[in-house]
Protein backbone atom coordinates (compact mmCIF):
# COMPACT_ATOMS: atom_id res chain seq x y z
CA MET A 1 -78.70 -76.84 14.90
CA LYS A 2 -76.14 -74.17 14.90
CA ILE A 3 -73.52 -74.41 12.82
CA SER A 4 -70.13 -72.92 14.34
CA LYS A 5 -68.03 -70.72 12.40
CA ASN A 6 -64.87 -72.73 12.90
CA SER A 7 -67.10 -75.52 11.63
CA ILE A 8 -65.50 -77.14 7.91
CA PHE A 9 -69.16 -77.14 6.59
CA PHE A 10 -69.20 -73.56 7.34
CA ASN A 11 -66.36 -73.11 5.93
CA ILE A 12 -67.14 -75.00 2.92
CA SER A 13 -70.25 -73.38 2.25
CA ILE A 14 -68.92 -69.58 2.76
CA VAL A 15 -65.99 -70.66 0.16
CA TYR A 16 -68.97 -71.99 -2.51
CA PHE A 17 -71.09 -68.57 -2.16
CA LEU A 18 -68.48 -66.65 -2.30
CA SER A 19 -67.50 -68.63 -5.76
CA VAL A 20 -70.47 -67.89 -6.92
CA ILE A 21 -70.74 -64.39 -6.07
CA PHE A 22 -67.63 -63.94 -7.90
CA ILE A 23 -68.39 -65.87 -11.18
CA GLY A 24 -71.54 -64.40 -11.14
CA ALA A 25 -69.63 -60.60 -11.17
CA THR A 26 -67.11 -61.94 -13.40
CA PHE A 27 -69.54 -62.83 -16.24
CA PHE A 28 -71.70 -59.87 -15.47
CA VAL A 29 -68.75 -58.04 -16.01
CA VAL A 30 -68.40 -60.19 -19.38
CA ILE A 31 -71.64 -59.41 -20.86
CA LYS A 32 -71.92 -55.89 -20.53
CA ASN A 33 -68.44 -55.67 -22.15
CA SER A 34 -69.65 -57.82 -24.84
CA GLU A 35 -72.97 -55.60 -24.62
CA ASN A 36 -70.69 -52.53 -24.98
CA ILE A 37 -68.35 -53.78 -27.55
CA HIS A 38 -71.15 -54.71 -29.61
CA ASN A 39 -73.15 -51.26 -29.36
CA ALA A 40 -69.72 -49.36 -30.57
CA PHE A 41 -69.49 -51.81 -33.97
CA LEU A 42 -73.35 -51.10 -34.27
CA LYS A 43 -72.70 -47.07 -34.07
CA ARG A 44 -69.81 -47.30 -36.52
CA LYS A 45 -72.10 -49.60 -38.69
CA TYR A 46 -74.68 -47.14 -39.55
CA SER A 47 -72.89 -43.76 -39.04
CA LYS A 48 -71.25 -44.00 -42.30
CA ILE A 49 -75.28 -45.06 -43.55
CA ILE A 50 -76.25 -42.07 -41.47
CA ASN A 51 -73.91 -39.60 -42.51
CA SER A 52 -74.95 -40.22 -46.14
CA VAL A 53 -78.98 -40.47 -45.63
CA PHE A 54 -78.33 -36.77 -43.83
CA PHE A 55 -76.18 -35.47 -46.85
CA ASP A 56 -78.81 -36.60 -49.39
CA LEU A 57 -81.74 -35.47 -47.33
CA ASP A 58 -80.12 -31.48 -46.76
CA LYS A 59 -79.37 -31.78 -50.67
CA ASN A 60 -82.76 -33.12 -52.19
CA ARG A 61 -84.83 -30.78 -49.51
CA ASP A 62 -85.79 -33.52 -46.77
CA ASN A 63 -86.47 -36.60 -49.39
CA ILE A 64 -84.01 -39.28 -50.23
CA SER A 65 -82.91 -39.89 -53.64
CA LYS A 66 -83.61 -42.79 -55.31
CA ASP A 67 -79.69 -43.31 -56.01
CA THR A 68 -79.72 -43.24 -52.08
CA LYS A 69 -82.32 -45.97 -51.43
CA LYS A 70 -80.62 -48.32 -54.50
CA LYS A 71 -77.60 -48.26 -52.72
CA LEU A 72 -79.39 -48.50 -49.30
CA SER A 73 -81.22 -51.00 -51.13
CA ASP A 74 -78.09 -53.10 -51.86
CA MET A 75 -77.18 -53.31 -48.39
CA ASP A 76 -80.27 -54.76 -47.54
CA ILE A 77 -81.73 -51.56 -45.86
CA ASP A 78 -85.23 -50.81 -46.31
CA VAL A 79 -86.26 -46.98 -46.20
CA LEU A 80 -89.74 -47.31 -44.05
CA ASP A 81 -92.74 -44.86 -43.78
CA ILE A 82 -92.17 -43.16 -40.31
CA THR A 83 -95.53 -42.00 -40.13
CA LYS A 84 -97.10 -45.65 -39.96
CA PHE A 85 -95.26 -45.91 -36.78
CA LYS A 86 -96.97 -44.99 -33.38
CA ASP A 87 -94.26 -42.96 -31.30
CA SER A 88 -95.82 -45.54 -28.79
CA GLU A 89 -94.65 -48.52 -31.09
CA LEU A 90 -91.11 -47.24 -31.21
CA LYS A 91 -90.65 -46.34 -27.70
CA ASN A 92 -91.92 -50.13 -27.14
CA MET A 93 -89.06 -51.26 -28.82
CA GLN A 94 -85.68 -52.23 -26.87
CA GLN A 95 -83.41 -49.21 -27.69
CA VAL A 96 -79.83 -50.50 -28.15
CA CYS A 97 -77.79 -47.12 -28.43
CA ASN A 98 -78.22 -43.51 -29.24
CA LEU A 99 -76.18 -41.24 -30.89
CA ALA A 100 -76.12 -37.00 -31.31
CA MET A 101 -74.50 -35.22 -33.72
CA PRO A 102 -74.39 -31.62 -34.33
CA MET A 103 -77.12 -31.24 -37.27
CA TYR A 104 -79.39 -34.74 -36.49
CA LYS A 105 -79.66 -37.34 -33.91
CA PHE A 106 -80.12 -41.20 -34.40
CA TRP A 107 -81.52 -44.23 -32.16
CA ILE A 108 -80.84 -47.62 -32.88
CA PHE A 109 -83.72 -50.26 -31.59
CA LYS A 110 -84.23 -53.89 -31.93
CA LYS A 111 -87.34 -56.05 -32.36
CA LYS A 112 -86.96 -59.82 -33.15
CA ARG A 113 -84.09 -60.03 -35.60
CA TYR A 114 -84.12 -56.58 -36.79
CA TYR A 115 -82.29 -53.12 -35.93
CA TYR A 116 -84.44 -50.06 -36.54
CA ILE A 117 -82.89 -46.53 -37.10
CA VAL A 118 -84.52 -43.48 -36.67
CA VAL A 119 -82.79 -40.63 -38.13
CA LYS A 120 -84.17 -36.93 -36.97
CA THR A 121 -83.00 -33.48 -38.26
CA PRO A 122 -84.41 -30.40 -37.52
CA ARG A 123 -87.14 -30.90 -39.95
CA VAL A 124 -87.21 -34.55 -40.88
CA ARG A 125 -87.87 -37.89 -39.33
CA VAL A 126 -86.66 -40.98 -41.12
CA LEU A 127 -86.84 -44.74 -40.39
CA LEU A 128 -84.59 -47.58 -41.85
CA ARG A 129 -84.56 -51.38 -41.22
CA ASP A 130 -81.42 -53.47 -41.52
CA ASN A 131 -82.94 -56.71 -42.70
CA ASP A 132 -79.74 -58.41 -42.47
CA PRO A 133 -78.47 -57.19 -38.94
CA TYR A 134 -75.16 -58.38 -37.32
CA ILE A 135 -76.74 -61.25 -35.15
CA ARG A 136 -74.79 -61.38 -32.27
CA SER A 137 -76.01 -64.06 -29.17
CA LEU A 138 -75.24 -63.96 -25.34
CA ASN A 139 -76.55 -67.16 -25.19
CA TYR A 140 -73.88 -69.11 -24.81
CA LEU A 141 -72.43 -67.06 -22.07
CA TYR A 142 -75.53 -67.37 -20.12
CA ILE A 143 -75.43 -71.48 -20.63
CA ALA A 144 -72.00 -71.50 -19.71
CA PHE A 145 -72.68 -69.11 -16.24
CA ALA A 146 -75.66 -71.64 -15.67
CA ALA A 147 -73.46 -75.23 -16.23
CA ILE A 148 -70.92 -73.71 -14.21
CA ILE A 149 -73.03 -72.71 -11.30
CA VAL A 150 -74.78 -76.33 -11.68
CA ILE A 151 -71.08 -78.25 -11.73
CA LEU A 152 -70.59 -76.23 -8.57
CA PHE A 153 -73.63 -76.75 -6.70
CA LEU A 154 -73.22 -80.63 -7.55
CA SER A 155 -69.60 -80.43 -6.28
CA TYR A 156 -70.86 -78.78 -3.37
CA LEU A 157 -73.29 -81.11 -2.25
CA SER A 158 -70.83 -84.18 -2.96
CA ILE A 159 -68.36 -82.72 -0.81
CA LEU A 160 -70.82 -82.29 1.95
CA ARG A 161 -71.86 -85.80 1.68
CA LYS A 162 -67.97 -86.82 1.47
CA LEU A 163 -67.84 -85.23 4.73
CA TYR A 164 -70.89 -85.67 6.69
CA PRO A 165 -69.86 -88.97 8.45
CA ILE A 166 -67.24 -86.64 9.78
CA LYS A 167 -70.19 -85.44 11.97
CA LEU A 168 -71.39 -88.88 12.82
CA LEU A 169 -67.73 -89.86 13.58
CA LYS A 170 -67.63 -86.61 16.13
CA GLU A 171 -70.67 -88.53 17.97
CA ASN A 172 -69.65 -91.95 17.87
CA ILE A 173 -66.31 -90.30 19.78
CA LYS A 174 -68.45 -88.80 22.41
CA LYS A 175 -70.32 -92.41 22.75
CA LEU A 176 -66.96 -94.15 23.38
CA GLY A 177 -65.92 -91.57 26.15
CA ASN A 178 -68.75 -93.11 27.49
CA GLU A 179 -68.03 -96.96 26.78
CA ASP A 180 -70.84 -97.30 24.45
CA PHE A 181 -69.22 -99.39 21.31
CA GLU A 182 -72.28 -99.25 19.16
CA THR A 183 -72.48 -98.07 15.92
CA ASP A 184 -76.52 -97.73 13.69
CA PHE A 185 -74.84 -97.33 10.80
CA THR A 186 -71.59 -98.03 7.88
CA ILE A 187 -70.02 -96.16 5.18
CA LYS A 188 -68.63 -97.80 1.89
CA GLY A 189 -66.34 -96.24 0.02
CA SER A 190 -62.21 -96.07 -0.96
CA ASP A 191 -62.18 -92.39 0.02
CA GLU A 192 -60.00 -91.21 3.12
CA VAL A 193 -63.04 -90.19 5.42
CA ALA A 194 -64.69 -94.08 4.45
CA ILE A 195 -61.21 -94.84 5.50
CA LEU A 196 -61.18 -93.22 8.42
CA TRP A 197 -64.56 -94.43 9.41
CA GLN A 198 -63.46 -98.03 8.74
CA GLU A 199 -60.26 -97.79 11.13
CA PHE A 200 -62.73 -96.00 13.72
CA ASP A 201 -64.95 -99.02 13.84
CA ASN A 202 -62.57 -101.67 13.79
CA SER A 203 -61.01 -99.74 16.70
CA LEU A 204 -64.67 -100.05 18.21
CA LYS A 205 -64.62 -103.31 18.02
CA LYS A 206 -61.34 -104.23 19.21
CA LEU A 207 -62.16 -102.08 22.53
CA LYS A 208 -65.71 -104.02 22.61
CA LYS A 209 -63.97 -107.27 22.55
CA ILE A 210 -61.32 -106.02 25.40
CA LYS A 211 -63.98 -104.61 27.73
CA GLU A 212 -66.36 -107.69 27.44
CA SER A 213 -63.24 -109.76 28.25
CA ARG A 214 -61.86 -107.73 30.87
CA ASN A 215 -65.51 -107.75 32.49
CA ILE A 216 -65.05 -111.67 32.18
CA PHE A 217 -61.73 -111.90 33.76
CA LEU A 218 -63.01 -108.88 36.49
CA ARG A 219 -65.96 -110.96 37.26
CA ASN A 220 -64.07 -114.46 37.58
CA ILE A 221 -60.89 -112.73 39.44
CA MET A 222 -62.83 -111.48 42.36
CA HIS A 223 -64.70 -115.14 42.57
CA GLU A 224 -61.30 -117.20 41.98
CA LEU A 225 -59.48 -114.43 44.78
CA LYS A 226 -62.21 -115.19 47.02
CA THR A 227 -61.09 -118.95 48.14
CA PRO A 228 -57.03 -118.32 48.87
CA ILE A 229 -57.88 -115.08 50.50
CA ALA A 230 -60.60 -116.97 52.58
CA LYS A 231 -57.83 -119.81 53.58
CA GLY A 232 -55.62 -117.29 54.14
CA LYS A 233 -57.45 -115.37 56.59
CA PHE A 234 -58.71 -118.17 58.42
CA LEU A 235 -54.62 -119.59 58.88
CA THR A 236 -53.75 -116.17 60.34
CA LYS A 237 -56.23 -117.00 63.02
CA LEU A 238 -55.08 -120.39 64.16
CA PRO A 239 -51.81 -121.20 65.97
CA LYS A 240 -48.04 -120.84 64.49
CA THR A 241 -47.44 -124.62 63.63
CA LYS A 242 -45.24 -125.81 60.98
CA ASP A 243 -48.35 -127.37 58.94
CA ASN A 244 -50.33 -124.08 59.29
CA GLU A 245 -47.08 -122.18 57.77
CA GLU A 246 -46.85 -124.81 55.06
CA LYS A 247 -50.70 -124.54 54.22
CA MET A 248 -49.86 -120.20 54.58
CA ASP A 249 -47.06 -120.82 51.69
CA ARG A 250 -49.44 -122.63 49.68
CA VAL A 251 -52.04 -120.06 49.71
CA PHE A 252 -49.44 -117.16 48.82
CA ILE A 253 -48.04 -119.34 45.84
CA ARG A 254 -51.16 -120.14 44.45
CA LEU A 255 -52.48 -116.44 44.75
CA GLU A 256 -48.92 -115.45 43.06
CA THR A 257 -49.57 -118.03 40.40
CA LEU A 258 -53.14 -116.82 39.76
CA ILE A 259 -52.08 -113.26 39.15
CA ASN A 260 -49.10 -114.32 36.66
CA GLU A 261 -52.11 -115.93 34.84
CA PHE A 262 -53.63 -113.04 34.73
CA ALA A 263 -50.84 -110.53 33.48
CA THR A 264 -50.51 -113.10 30.97
CA ILE A 265 -53.82 -112.74 29.66
CA GLU A 266 -54.09 -108.99 30.13
CA GLU A 267 -50.68 -108.77 28.02
CA LEU A 268 -53.12 -110.95 25.17
CA ILE A 269 -55.74 -108.93 25.55
CA SER A 270 -54.24 -105.46 25.63
CA ASP A 271 -52.92 -105.51 22.11
CA SER A 272 -52.31 -108.62 20.42
CA SER A 273 -51.68 -107.58 17.46
CA SER A 274 -48.18 -105.09 18.74
CA ILE A 275 -46.91 -108.98 19.85
CA SER A 276 -42.92 -108.60 18.74
CA LYS A 277 -41.94 -111.85 16.93
CA LYS A 278 -38.36 -113.30 16.21
CA GLU A 279 -37.07 -117.06 14.89
CA TYR A 280 -36.74 -118.88 17.84
CA TYR A 281 -35.26 -122.82 17.81
CA LEU A 282 -38.41 -125.18 18.76
CA ILE A 283 -35.94 -126.87 21.30
CA ASP A 284 -34.79 -123.87 23.15
CA ILE A 285 -38.46 -122.77 23.72
CA ILE A 286 -39.52 -126.03 24.89
CA ASP A 287 -36.42 -125.82 27.27
CA ASN A 288 -38.04 -122.99 28.67
CA ALA A 289 -40.97 -124.06 29.43
CA ILE A 290 -39.63 -126.98 31.27
CA ASP A 291 -37.67 -124.62 33.46
CA LEU A 292 -41.48 -122.61 34.10
CA LEU A 293 -42.85 -125.64 34.68
CA MET A 294 -39.78 -126.19 37.77
CA ILE A 295 -39.79 -129.80 36.96
CA ASP A 296 -36.69 -132.31 35.97
CA GLY A 297 -38.50 -133.70 32.58
CA LYS A 298 -38.09 -137.15 33.90
CA ASP A 299 -42.09 -137.65 32.98
CA LEU A 300 -41.27 -136.18 29.44
CA GLU A 301 -39.98 -137.49 25.98
CA ILE A 302 -38.95 -135.02 22.88
CA ILE A 303 -38.83 -136.53 19.72
CA GLU A 304 -37.86 -134.25 16.90
CA LYS A 305 -38.73 -135.86 13.42
CA GLU A 306 -37.34 -132.49 12.15
CA GLN A 307 -34.24 -131.31 13.54
CA ASN A 308 -33.23 -128.04 14.20
CA LYS A 309 -36.74 -126.46 13.76
CA LYS A 310 -37.57 -122.32 14.09
CA VAL A 311 -40.14 -121.02 14.27
CA LYS A 312 -41.32 -116.96 14.16
CA VAL A 313 -42.84 -116.52 17.56
CA ASN A 314 -43.05 -114.44 21.04
CA PHE A 315 -40.12 -116.28 22.92
CA LYS A 316 -42.09 -115.45 26.29
CA LEU A 317 -45.98 -116.40 25.62
CA PHE A 318 -44.93 -119.25 23.04
CA SER A 319 -43.37 -120.54 26.16
CA ILE A 320 -45.96 -120.50 28.26
CA ALA A 321 -48.73 -121.60 25.71
CA VAL A 322 -45.93 -124.98 25.59
CA LYS A 323 -45.66 -124.92 29.36
CA ASN A 324 -49.48 -125.01 29.80
CA LEU A 325 -49.43 -127.81 27.46
CA LEU A 326 -46.84 -129.65 29.19
CA ASP A 327 -48.48 -128.88 32.58
CA ASN A 328 -51.92 -130.13 31.22
CA GLY A 329 -50.52 -133.33 30.01
CA LEU A 330 -48.32 -134.12 33.26
CA LYS A 331 -52.08 -133.47 35.20
CA TYR A 332 -54.23 -136.02 33.18
CA LEU A 333 -51.17 -138.95 32.54
CA GLN A 334 -51.88 -141.74 34.04
CA ASP A 335 -48.50 -143.70 33.24
CA GLY A 336 -45.71 -143.06 30.75
CA LYS A 337 -44.57 -140.16 29.47
CA VAL A 338 -45.81 -137.11 28.16
CA SER A 339 -44.63 -137.19 24.35
CA ILE A 340 -43.66 -134.23 22.76
CA VAL A 341 -43.57 -134.80 18.84
CA ILE A 342 -42.01 -131.92 16.49
CA GLU A 343 -42.66 -132.46 13.15
CA LYS A 344 -42.25 -130.09 9.81
CA ASP A 345 -45.74 -127.62 10.58
CA LYS A 346 -46.69 -128.98 13.98
CA ILE A 347 -45.78 -129.91 17.24
CA LEU A 348 -47.50 -133.00 19.25
CA PHE A 349 -48.41 -132.94 23.11
CA ILE A 350 -49.22 -136.93 23.61
CA ASN A 351 -50.07 -137.97 27.10
CA SER A 352 -52.38 -141.22 28.10
CA GLY A 353 -55.50 -140.23 30.02
CA ASP A 354 -58.96 -141.04 30.75
CA GLN A 355 -61.24 -139.39 27.86
CA LEU A 356 -62.66 -135.56 28.32
CA LYS A 357 -66.25 -135.72 29.51
CA HIS A 358 -66.85 -132.45 27.61
CA ASN A 359 -66.45 -131.08 24.53
CA ILE A 360 -63.03 -129.77 24.06
CA GLU A 361 -64.17 -126.00 23.07
CA LYS A 362 -65.77 -126.18 27.01
CA TYR A 363 -61.88 -126.12 27.72
CA PHE A 364 -60.88 -123.48 25.86
CA GLU A 365 -63.48 -120.87 27.81
CA PRO A 366 -61.89 -118.67 30.88
CA PHE A 367 -62.11 -120.75 34.10
CA PHE A 368 -63.69 -124.15 33.09
CA LYS A 369 -62.45 -126.87 35.16
CA ASP A 370 -62.84 -130.28 34.95
CA GLN A 371 -63.91 -131.99 38.46
CA LYS A 372 -60.74 -133.97 38.64
CA ILE A 373 -58.53 -131.90 38.78
CA ALA A 374 -60.35 -128.67 39.81
CA GLN A 375 -58.32 -128.12 43.10
CA GLN A 376 -55.23 -127.59 41.35
CA SER A 377 -56.44 -125.52 38.40
CA PHE A 378 -57.45 -122.48 37.38
CA GLY A 379 -58.89 -123.39 34.57
CA LEU A 380 -56.95 -121.09 32.36
CA GLY A 381 -54.86 -122.88 30.83
CA LEU A 382 -55.70 -124.17 27.95
CA TYR A 383 -57.76 -120.70 27.15
CA ILE A 384 -54.24 -118.78 27.65
CA VAL A 385 -52.70 -121.31 24.98
CA TYR A 386 -55.83 -121.01 22.51
CA ASN A 387 -54.81 -117.10 22.56
CA ILE A 388 -51.48 -117.29 22.42
CA LEU A 389 -51.83 -119.35 19.56
CA LYS A 390 -54.41 -117.24 17.95
CA SER A 391 -52.08 -114.07 18.17
CA HIS A 392 -49.63 -116.07 16.33
CA ASP A 393 -52.04 -117.09 13.67
CA MET A 394 -51.32 -120.80 14.59
CA ARG A 395 -53.99 -123.28 15.43
CA LEU A 396 -54.72 -125.47 18.26
CA ASP A 397 -56.32 -128.86 17.22
CA TYR A 398 -57.20 -132.01 19.84
CA SER A 399 -58.00 -135.59 19.37
CA TYR A 400 -58.41 -138.56 21.28
CA ASP A 401 -57.34 -141.49 20.13
CA ASN A 402 -56.43 -145.35 21.60
CA LYS A 403 -56.79 -143.47 25.48
CA LYS A 404 -54.29 -140.95 24.54
CA HIS A 405 -54.74 -137.06 24.11
CA ILE A 406 -52.88 -135.54 21.45
CA PHE A 407 -53.05 -131.34 21.27
CA THR A 408 -51.44 -130.39 17.94
CA ILE A 409 -49.84 -126.94 17.66
CA VAL A 410 -50.05 -126.34 13.88
CA PHE A 411 -47.88 -123.32 12.85
């Protein structure tokens, strides 16, 4: 796969290889400098010895005196018979350095742990061996260089591994543009890239949920709107009588109510986390819910076991939840009144009525209708209540006791 020059991976690779080259060049200079220093040391060390040997040779007609040999022996330097060494053997030794003087030349060779010094005068050649040379090792430099390169390489691989999810993130962002919310891998960890992926994954899940919810509503909106629209089209072809006008008004009221319900659901689906919440008196919310129902409240009774109860909620949405529960109670009410009981950590909505034919969870689904009230309900009331309370981190409980429905909002 072609890598762009603007890619972060390309730039990291360039930095890595430049670092290796720079470190390699640095070590090369250090090693060369170390060798030059060592060679200079050897020249200084052996120059004094060779001077004394040369003067002794010159004085004793190309022979080294016993005194000189003893001095050399005391310095742990042997005088060897050069005739026993072949020229090829000397050439195979590692030449360390050489020096040419006006009257003689000398070379320093290294073989194993010994340094050999060859002194050449116009008439003779002498071979010396230092049995206790200055031992110098550059192994520590090579080990340090290898260790740094290995550390750099492992760091390079680690960085690429850490950044690799960014490439996967890029591919998934492309998929997101095509409304594909599925991912086939997970990233664990606590670094910035892992956190970025986790946030992206959370966003994908939210978007997937929103898309699924909206698809449900789009399908059902079309279904729900068909009936009032069909009725309206039919009524437009009938004579303009007072009765037909009232029927037409009811069609538009039904459409308006349905649109308001959908608007509430849209607000919940879009982003429940951004809902603003403040503290309000619960009795004020109940009064607002009654006003939304446009009723006089004669079929309602409020029992405040907890006086001046406050709740932290979104006033508009929570009022709709209370309104829907009251509306639900009035629709199922057989006799008496709908009771609203305010307690310390909950509020109860109680009304008499026949037992529900289905499990309560079915009524929390969108567009689920009880046949008894199907004509006056969209099947969205409890679904909206359930989701409003969920967005407030509250719970809706239900029970049926002594022929009474009891819906409980648990704060």
